Amino acid sequence: MESVPEVISEILECYGCLDVLIFNSSMKVKAPVQCLSLEMDRIVMDVNYFGPITLVK
């Protein structure tokens, strides 16, 4: 997530604008929820929720 502003700046510098943004990443953990650590929950939320929200903003 820390590199998002840098990547966006690079895209804008190279192309001038960003016309389309395709969210094509997600993460799924195949395990019972009670077996997942809080750290794994955070990783899944970072990828599946905060990643797209950060890019949109």
Protein backbone atom coordinates (compact mmCIF):
# COMPACT_ATOMS: atom_id res chain seq x y z
CA MET A 1 0.00 0.00 0.00
CA GLU A 2 2.89 2.34 0.69
CA SER A 3 3.92 2.31 -2.98
CA VAL A 4 0.50 3.29 -4.39
CA PRO A 5 1.15 7.07 -4.56
CA GLU A 6 4.49 6.42 -6.24
CA VAL A 7 2.93 4.10 -8.82
CA ILE A 8 0.11 6.55 -9.57
CA SER A 9 2.63 9.37 -10.03
CA GLU A 10 4.63 7.23 -12.42
CA ILE A 11 1.51 6.39 -14.46
CA LEU A 12 0.47 10.04 -14.64
CA GLU A 13 3.98 11.12 -15.62
CA CYS A 14 4.15 8.52 -18.38
CA TYR A 15 0.60 8.69 -19.77
CA GLY A 16 -0.80 11.99 -18.49
CA CYS A 17 -4.00 10.50 -17.10
CA LEU A 18 -5.61 7.31 -15.88
CA ASP A 19 -8.72 6.46 -17.92
CA VAL A 20 -9.54 2.96 -16.68
CA LEU A 21 -8.78 1.14 -13.46
CA ILE A 22 -9.42 -2.61 -13.38
CA PHE A 23 -9.41 -4.32 -10.00
CA ASN A 24 -8.06 -7.75 -10.74
CA SER A 25 -6.66 -9.00 -7.49
CA SER A 26 -8.15 -10.75 -4.53
CA MET A 27 -7.17 -13.19 -1.88
CA LYS A 28 -9.01 -16.17 -0.48
CA VAL A 29 -7.97 -18.29 2.45
CA LYS A 30 -9.42 -21.77 2.46
CA ALA A 31 -9.75 -22.52 6.17
CA PRO A 32 -12.37 -22.26 8.90
CA VAL A 33 -12.56 -18.70 10.18
CA GLN A 34 -11.71 -19.78 13.73
CA CYS A 35 -8.39 -21.14 12.44
CA LEU A 36 -7.29 -17.85 10.89
CA SER A 37 -4.98 -15.51 12.75
CA LEU A 38 -5.75 -11.83 13.11
CA GLU A 39 -2.70 -11.13 10.96
CA MET A 40 -4.13 -13.23 8.13
CA ASP A 41 -7.45 -11.37 8.46
CA ARG A 42 -5.56 -8.08 8.07
CA ILE A 43 -3.72 -9.32 4.98
CA VAL A 44 -6.97 -10.45 3.35
CA MET A 45 -8.64 -7.11 4.15
CA ASP A 46 -5.64 -5.17 2.80
CA VAL A 47 -5.80 -7.01 -0.52
CA ASN A 48 -9.56 -7.34 -0.97
CA TYR A 49 -10.87 -4.11 0.57
CA PHE A 50 -8.21 -1.51 1.26
CA GLY A 51 -6.31 -2.11 -2.01
CA PRO A 52 -9.19 -1.12 -4.31
CA ILE A 53 -10.36 1.68 -2.00
CA THR A 54 -6.85 3.15 -1.90
CA LEU A 55 -6.57 3.08 -5.70
CA VAL A 56 -9.96 4.73 -6.17
CA LYS A 57 -9.08 7.57 -3.82
